[in-house]
Amino acid sequence: MLLFRSEEHVDRWCEARGVPRGAILSLETGWRLASIWYADRLEPDWRRRTTEEAQSVFDRLGLTGPFWRLR
């Protein structure tokens, strides 16, 4: 994960390094994703999410596009 000031900064960084632009999300959305994703991680009965459950998390947060498609 890399942090940038703006999407324009992302574009300049990618262009300077010859790499394609990947998925971008705000710090707020990143925090919301992490809060949901790791909320139960320390529970004794924790288990890895199924593909459908993970996709549901992405969908609830409005994370769309090919990067976020698991199915």
PDB file of N, CA and C in Angstrom:
ATOM      1  N   MET A   1       0.842  -1.156   0.000  1.00  0.00           N
ATOM      2  CA  MET A   1       0.000   0.000   0.000  1.00  0.00           C
ATOM      3  C   MET A   1       0.896   1.231   0.000  1.00  0.00           C
ATOM      4  N   LEU A   2       0.532   2.157  -0.853  1.00  0.00           N
ATOM      5  CA  LEU A   2       1.237   3.430  -0.918  1.00  0.00           C
ATOM      6  C   LEU A   2       0.243   4.549  -0.652  1.00  0.00           C
ATOM      7  N   LEU A   3       0.688   5.586   0.016  1.00  0.00           N
ATOM      8  CA  LEU A   3      -0.159   6.728   0.311  1.00  0.00           C
ATOM      9  C   LEU A   3       0.261   7.908  -0.552  1.00  0.00           C
ATOM     10  N   PHE A   4      -0.736   8.626  -1.105  1.00  0.00           N
ATOM     11  CA  PHE A   4      -0.486   9.755  -1.986  1.00  0.00           C
ATOM     12  C   PHE A   4      -1.369  10.923  -1.592  1.00  0.00           C
ATOM     13  N   ARG A   5      -0.964  12.119  -2.004  1.00  0.00           N
ATOM     14  CA  ARG A   5      -1.727  13.338  -1.719  1.00  0.00           C
ATOM     15  C   ARG A   5      -2.995  13.439  -2.552  1.00  0.00           C
ATOM     16  N   SER A   6      -2.931  12.929  -3.785  1.00  0.00           N
ATOM     17  CA  SER A   6      -4.055  13.094  -4.707  1.00  0.00           C
ATOM     18  C   SER A   6      -3.954  12.045  -5.814  1.00  0.00           C
ATOM     19  N   GLU A   7      -5.021  11.927  -6.584  1.00  0.00           N
ATOM     20  CA  GLU A   7      -4.990  11.004  -7.717  1.00  0.00           C
ATOM     21  C   GLU A   7      -3.998  11.475  -8.774  1.00  0.00           C
ATOM     22  N   GLU A   8      -3.834  12.786  -8.905  1.00  0.00           N
ATOM     23  CA  GLU A   8      -2.837  13.320  -9.840  1.00  0.00           C
ATOM     24  C   GLU A   8      -1.427  12.887  -9.428  1.00  0.00           C
ATOM     25  N   HIS A   9      -1.182  12.874  -8.133  1.00  0.00           N
ATOM     26  CA  HIS A   9       0.110  12.428  -7.625  1.00  0.00           C
ATOM     27  C   HIS A   9       0.315  10.945  -7.956  1.00  0.00           C
ATOM     28  N   VAL A  10      -0.730  10.160  -7.813  1.00  0.00           N
ATOM     29  CA  VAL A  10      -0.665   8.741  -8.182  1.00  0.00           C
ATOM     30  C   VAL A  10      -0.277   8.603  -9.654  1.00  0.00           C
ATOM     31  N   ASP A  11      -0.964   9.360 -10.508  1.00  0.00           N
ATOM     32  CA  ASP A  11      -0.694   9.284 -11.950  1.00  0.00           C
ATOM     33  C   ASP A  11       0.749   9.655 -12.262  1.00  0.00           C
ATOM     34  N   ARG A  12       1.259  10.717 -11.649  1.00  0.00           N
ATOM     35  CA  ARG A  12       2.655  11.123 -11.885  1.00  0.00           C
ATOM     36  C   ARG A  12       3.626  10.051 -11.413  1.00  0.00           C
ATOM     37  N   TRP A  13       3.370   9.489 -10.243  1.00  0.00           N
ATOM     38  CA  TRP A  13       4.237   8.447  -9.687  1.00  0.00           C
ATOM     39  C   TRP A  13       4.271   7.235 -10.612  1.00  0.00           C
ATOM     40  N   CYS A  14       3.108   6.796 -11.064  1.00  0.00           N
ATOM     41  CA  CYS A  14       3.029   5.627 -11.960  1.00  0.00           C
ATOM     42  C   CYS A  14       3.740   5.909 -13.279  1.00  0.00           C
ATOM     43  N   GLU A  15       3.499   7.084 -13.839  1.00  0.00           N
ATOM     44  CA  GLU A  15       4.119   7.434 -15.117  1.00  0.00           C
ATOM     45  C   GLU A  15       5.644   7.478 -14.999  1.00  0.00           C
ATOM     46  N   ALA A  16       6.143   8.048 -13.919  1.00  0.00           N
ATOM     47  CA  ALA A  16       7.594   8.158 -13.719  1.00  0.00           C
ATOM     48  C   ALA A  16       8.254   6.794 -13.583  1.00  0.00           C
ATOM     49  N   ARG A  17       7.513   5.807 -13.123  1.00  0.00           N
ATOM     50  CA  ARG A  17       8.072   4.471 -12.894  1.00  0.00           C
ATOM     51  C   ARG A  17       7.636   3.444 -13.930  1.00  0.00           C
ATOM     52  N   GLY A  18       6.775   3.868 -14.841  1.00  0.00           N
ATOM     53  CA  GLY A  18       6.322   2.965 -15.890  1.00  0.00           C
ATOM     54  C   GLY A  18       5.480   1.811 -15.383  1.00  0.00           C
ATOM     55  N   VAL A  19       4.680   2.081 -14.353  1.00  0.00           N
ATOM     56  CA  VAL A  19       3.822   1.031 -13.812  1.00  0.00           C
ATOM     57  C   VAL A  19       2.357   1.420 -14.019  1.00  0.00           C
ATOM     58  N   PRO A  20       1.488   0.433 -14.197  1.00  0.00           N
ATOM     59  CA  PRO A  20       0.071   0.751 -14.368  1.00  0.00           C
ATOM     60  C   PRO A  20      -0.549   1.208 -13.056  1.00  0.00           C
ATOM     61  N   ARG A  21      -1.525   2.052 -13.183  1.00  0.00           N
ATOM     62  CA  ARG A  21      -2.253   2.533 -11.997  1.00  0.00           C
ATOM     63  C   ARG A  21      -3.144   1.410 -11.486  1.00  0.00           C
ATOM     64  N   GLY A  22      -3.093   1.163 -10.211  1.00  0.00           N
ATOM     65  CA  GLY A  22      -3.916   0.124  -9.604  1.00  0.00           C
ATOM     66  C   GLY A  22      -5.152   0.708  -8.962  1.00  0.00           C
ATOM     67  N   ALA A  23      -5.729  -0.033  -8.049  1.00  0.00           N
ATOM     68  CA  ALA A  23      -6.926   0.420  -7.347  1.00  0.00           C
ATOM     69  C   ALA A  23      -6.558   1.542  -6.379  1.00  0.00           C
ATOM     70  N   ILE A  24      -7.462   2.498  -6.254  1.00  0.00           N
ATOM     71  CA  ILE A  24      -7.256   3.634  -5.352  1.00  0.00           C
ATOM     72  C   ILE A  24      -8.442   3.715  -4.411  1.00  0.00           C
ATOM     73  N   LEU A  25      -8.157   3.915  -3.130  1.00  0.00           N
ATOM     74  CA  LEU A  25      -9.229   4.157  -2.183  1.00  0.00           C
ATOM     75  C   LEU A  25      -8.777   5.213  -1.192  1.00  0.00           C
ATOM     76  N   SER A  26      -9.747   5.913  -0.638  1.00  0.00           N
ATOM     77  CA  SER A  26      -9.444   6.967   0.330  1.00  0.00           C
ATOM     78  C   SER A  26      -8.985   6.349   1.646  1.00  0.00           C
ATOM     79  N   LEU A  27      -8.356   7.163   2.469  1.00  0.00           N
ATOM     80  CA  LEU A  27      -7.969   6.687   3.797  1.00  0.00           C
ATOM     81  C   LEU A  27      -9.194   6.251   4.591  1.00  0.00           C
ATOM     82  N   GLU A  28     -10.280   6.992   4.451  1.00  0.00           N
ATOM     83  CA  GLU A  28     -11.515   6.637   5.165  1.00  0.00           C
ATOM     84  C   GLU A  28     -12.009   5.255   4.749  1.00  0.00           C
ATOM     85  N   THR A  29     -12.025   4.995   3.449  1.00  0.00           N
ATOM     86  CA  THR A  29     -12.478   3.686   2.978  1.00  0.00           C
ATOM     87  C   THR A  29     -11.497   2.599   3.384  1.00  0.00           C
ATOM     88  N   GLY A  30     -10.217   2.882   3.335  1.00  0.00           N
ATOM     89  CA  GLY A  30      -9.213   1.921   3.781  1.00  0.00           C
ATOM     90  C   GLY A  30      -9.400   1.564   5.245  1.00  0.00           C
ATOM     91  N   TRP A  31      -9.707   2.575   6.065  1.00  0.00           N
ATOM     92  CA  TRP A  31      -9.950   2.345   7.492  1.00  0.00           C
ATOM     93  C   TRP A  31     -11.205   1.508   7.691  1.00  0.00           C
ATOM     94  N   ARG A  32     -12.262   1.831   6.939  1.00  0.00           N
ATOM     95  CA  ARG A  32     -13.506   1.057   7.047  1.00  0.00           C
ATOM     96  C   ARG A  32     -13.276  -0.386   6.624  1.00  0.00           C
ATOM     97  N   LEU A  33     -12.521  -0.597   5.559  1.00  0.00           N
ATOM     98  CA  LEU A  33     -12.210  -1.948   5.100  1.00  0.00           C
ATOM     99  C   LEU A  33     -11.442  -2.711   6.173  1.00  0.00           C
ATOM    100  N   ALA A  34     -10.403  -2.099   6.712  1.00  0.00           N
ATOM    101  CA  ALA A  34      -9.596  -2.759   7.748  1.00  0.00           C
ATOM    102  C   ALA A  34     -10.428  -3.057   8.992  1.00  0.00           C
ATOM    103  N   SER A  35     -11.298  -2.135   9.375  1.00  0.00           N
ATOM    104  CA  SER A  35     -12.132  -2.328  10.566  1.00  0.00           C
ATOM    105  C   SER A  35     -13.048  -3.534  10.412  1.00  0.00           C
ATOM    106  N   ILE A  36     -13.625  -3.683   9.225  1.00  0.00           N
ATOM    107  CA  ILE A  36     -14.493  -4.833   8.968  1.00  0.00           C
ATOM    108  C   ILE A  36     -13.654  -6.101   8.832  1.00  0.00           C
ATOM    109  N   TRP A  37     -12.599  -6.008   8.039  1.00  0.00           N
ATOM    110  CA  TRP A  37     -11.798  -7.179   7.697  1.00  0.00           C
ATOM    111  C   TRP A  37     -11.163  -7.839   8.922  1.00  0.00           C
ATOM    112  N   TYR A  38     -10.675  -7.019   9.856  1.00  0.00           N
ATOM    113  CA  TYR A  38      -9.945  -7.550  11.003  1.00  0.00           C
ATOM    114  C   TYR A  38     -10.744  -7.538  12.307  1.00  0.00           C
ATOM    115  N   ALA A  39     -12.008  -7.183  12.263  1.00  0.00           N
ATOM    116  CA  ALA A  39     -12.818  -7.041  13.481  1.00  0.00           C
ATOM    117  C   ALA A  39     -12.844  -8.307  14.324  1.00  0.00           C
ATOM    118  N   ASP A  40     -12.898  -9.462  13.691  1.00  0.00           N
ATOM    119  CA  ASP A  40     -13.031 -10.723  14.436  1.00  0.00           C
ATOM    120  C   ASP A  40     -11.768 -11.573  14.399  1.00  0.00           C
ATOM    121  N   ARG A  41     -10.693 -11.013  13.964  1.00  0.00           N
ATOM    122  CA  ARG A  41      -9.462 -11.779  13.735  1.00  0.00           C
ATOM    123  C   ARG A  41      -8.922 -12.478  14.987  1.00  0.00           C
ATOM    124  N   LEU A  42      -9.136 -11.908  16.158  1.00  0.00           N
ATOM    125  CA  LEU A  42      -8.610 -12.493  17.394  1.00  0.00           C
ATOM    126  C   LEU A  42      -9.604 -13.411  18.099  1.00  0.00           C
ATOM    127  N   GLU A  43     -10.758 -13.600  17.515  1.00  0.00           N
ATOM    128  CA  GLU A  43     -11.762 -14.491  18.096  1.00  0.00           C
ATOM    129  C   GLU A  43     -11.297 -15.947  17.998  1.00  0.00           C
ATOM    130  N   PRO A  44     -11.544 -16.756  19.014  1.00  0.00           N
ATOM    131  CA  PRO A  44     -11.102 -18.160  18.983  1.00  0.00           C
ATOM    132  C   PRO A  44     -11.692 -18.956  17.815  1.00  0.00           C
ATOM    133  N   ASP A  45     -12.903 -18.591  17.398  1.00  0.00           N
ATOM    134  CA  ASP A  45     -13.537 -19.339  16.314  1.00  0.00           C
ATOM    135  C   ASP A  45     -13.364 -18.654  14.946  1.00  0.00           C
ATOM    136  N   TRP A  46     -12.365 -17.758  14.843  1.00  0.00           N
ATOM    137  CA  TRP A  46     -12.125 -17.067  13.573  1.00  0.00           C
ATOM    138  C   TRP A  46     -11.849 -18.073  12.461  1.00  0.00           C
ATOM    139  N   ARG A  47     -12.340 -17.753  11.291  1.00  0.00           N
ATOM    140  CA  ARG A  47     -12.047 -18.531  10.091  1.00  0.00           C
ATOM    141  C   ARG A  47     -11.913 -17.570   8.928  1.00  0.00           C
ATOM    142  N   ARG A  48     -11.202 -18.010   7.936  1.00  0.00           N
ATOM    143  CA  ARG A  48     -11.026 -17.196   6.737  1.00  0.00           C
ATOM    144  C   ARG A  48     -12.387 -17.000   6.059  1.00  0.00           C
ATOM    145  N   ARG A  49     -12.619 -15.807   5.528  1.00  0.00           N
ATOM    146  CA  ARG A  49     -13.861 -15.536   4.807  1.00  0.00           C
ATOM    147  C   ARG A  49     -13.927 -16.348   3.523  1.00  0.00           C
ATOM    148  N   THR A  50     -15.126 -16.732   3.168  1.00  0.00           N
ATOM    149  CA  THR A  50     -15.309 -17.362   1.864  1.00  0.00           C
ATOM    150  C   THR A  50     -15.193 -16.279   0.795  1.00  0.00           C
ATOM    151  N   THR A  51     -15.062 -16.704  -0.433  1.00  0.00           N
ATOM    152  CA  THR A  51     -15.014 -15.749  -1.542  1.00  0.00           C
ATOM    153  C   THR A  51     -16.265 -14.881  -1.542  1.00  0.00           C
ATOM    154  N   GLU A  52     -17.413 -15.494  -1.316  1.00  0.00           N
ATOM    155  CA  GLU A  52     -18.669 -14.756  -1.312  1.00  0.00           C
ATOM    156  C   GLU A  52     -18.725 -13.741  -0.168  1.00  0.00           C
ATOM    157  N   GLU A  53     -18.238 -14.117   0.997  1.00  0.00           N
ATOM    158  CA  GLU A  53     -18.226 -13.198   2.140  1.00  0.00           C
ATOM    159  C   GLU A  53     -17.276 -12.025   1.893  1.00  0.00           C
ATOM    160  N   ALA A  54     -16.123 -12.306   1.344  1.00  0.00           N
ATOM    161  CA  ALA A  54     -15.161 -11.243   1.045  1.00  0.00           C
ATOM    162  C   ALA A  54     -15.737 -10.298  -0.006  1.00  0.00           C
ATOM    163  N   GLN A  55     -16.366 -10.853  -1.031  1.00  0.00           N
ATOM    164  CA  GLN A  55     -16.971 -10.022  -2.070  1.00  0.00           C
ATOM    165  C   GLN A  55     -18.062  -9.140  -1.491  1.00  0.00           C
ATOM    166  N   SER A  56     -18.810  -9.681  -0.532  1.00  0.00           N
ATOM    167  CA  SER A  56     -19.861  -8.914   0.120  1.00  0.00           C
ATOM    168  C   SER A  56     -19.283  -7.701   0.857  1.00  0.00           C
ATOM    169  N   VAL A  57     -18.154  -7.882   1.514  1.00  0.00           N
ATOM    170  CA  VAL A  57     -17.493  -6.761   2.201  1.00  0.00           C
ATOM    171  C   VAL A  57     -17.119  -5.688   1.189  1.00  0.00           C
ATOM    172  N   PHE A  58     -16.477  -6.083   0.099  1.00  0.00           N
ATOM    173  CA  PHE A  58     -16.078  -5.115  -0.929  1.00  0.00           C
ATOM    174  C   PHE A  58     -17.297  -4.390  -1.486  1.00  0.00           C
ATOM    175  N   ASP A  59     -18.354  -5.143  -1.770  1.00  0.00           N
ATOM    176  CA  ASP A  59     -19.571  -4.552  -2.330  1.00  0.00           C
ATOM    177  C   ASP A  59     -20.191  -3.550  -1.369  1.00  0.00           C
ATOM    178  N   ARG A  60     -20.264  -3.893  -0.086  1.00  0.00           N
ATOM    179  CA  ARG A  60     -20.847  -2.984   0.917  1.00  0.00           C
ATOM    180  C   ARG A  60     -20.091  -1.672   0.986  1.00  0.00           C
ATOM    181  N   LEU A  61     -18.784  -1.729   0.762  1.00  0.00           N
ATOM    182  CA  LEU A  61     -17.960  -0.520   0.834  1.00  0.00           C
ATOM    183  C   LEU A  61     -17.906   0.231  -0.488  1.00  0.00           C
ATOM    184  N   GLY A  62     -18.576  -0.295  -1.499  1.00  0.00           N
ATOM    185  CA  GLY A  62     -18.584   0.366  -2.805  1.00  0.00           C
ATOM    186  C   GLY A  62     -17.291   0.178  -3.574  1.00  0.00           C
ATOM    187  N   LEU A  63     -16.524  -0.850  -3.242  1.00  0.00           N
ATOM    188  CA  LEU A  63     -15.270  -1.126  -3.944  1.00  0.00           C
ATOM    189  C   LEU A  63     -15.614  -1.929  -5.193  1.00  0.00           C
ATOM    190  N   THR A  64     -15.504  -1.283  -6.331  1.00  0.00           N
ATOM    191  CA  THR A  64     -15.923  -1.879  -7.595  1.00  0.00           C
ATOM    192  C   THR A  64     -14.763  -1.930  -8.572  1.00  0.00           C
ATOM    193  N   GLY A  65     -14.978  -2.548  -9.673  1.00  0.00           N
ATOM    194  CA  GLY A  65     -13.962  -2.639 -10.705  1.00  0.00           C
ATOM    195  C   GLY A  65     -13.250  -3.974 -10.652  1.00  0.00           C
ATOM    196  N   PRO A  66     -12.466  -4.249 -11.681  1.00  0.00           N
ATOM    197  CA  PRO A  66     -11.813  -5.555 -11.799  1.00  0.00           C
ATOM    198  C   PRO A  66     -10.941  -5.942 -10.607  1.00  0.00           C
ATOM    199  N   PHE A  67     -10.257  -4.987  -9.995  1.00  0.00           N
ATOM    200  CA  PHE A  67      -9.379  -5.274  -8.866  1.00  0.00           C
ATOM    201  C   PHE A  67     -10.142  -5.904  -7.716  1.00  0.00           C
ATOM    202  N   TRP A  68     -11.386  -5.475  -7.518  1.00  0.00           N
ATOM    203  CA  TRP A  68     -12.178  -5.901  -6.369  1.00  0.00           C
ATOM    204  C   TRP A  68     -13.106  -7.066  -6.676  1.00  0.00           C
ATOM    205  N   ARG A  69     -13.098  -7.588  -7.882  1.00  0.00           N
ATOM    206  CA  ARG A  69     -13.974  -8.702  -8.266  1.00  0.00           C
ATOM    207  C   ARG A  69     -13.307 -10.027  -7.950  1.00  0.00           C
ATOM    208  N   LEU A  70     -13.932 -10.816  -7.096  1.00  0.00           N
ATOM    209  CA  LEU A  70     -13.396 -12.120  -6.712  1.00  0.00           C
ATOM    210  C   LEU A  70     -14.120 -13.256  -7.400  1.00  0.00           C
ATOM    211  N   ARG A  71     -15.278 -12.972  -7.958  1.00  0.00           N
ATOM    212  CA  ARG A  71     -16.045 -14.044  -8.605  1.00  0.00           C
ATOM    213  C   ARG A  71     -16.440 -13.674  -9.992  1.00  0.00           C
TER     214      ARG A  71
END
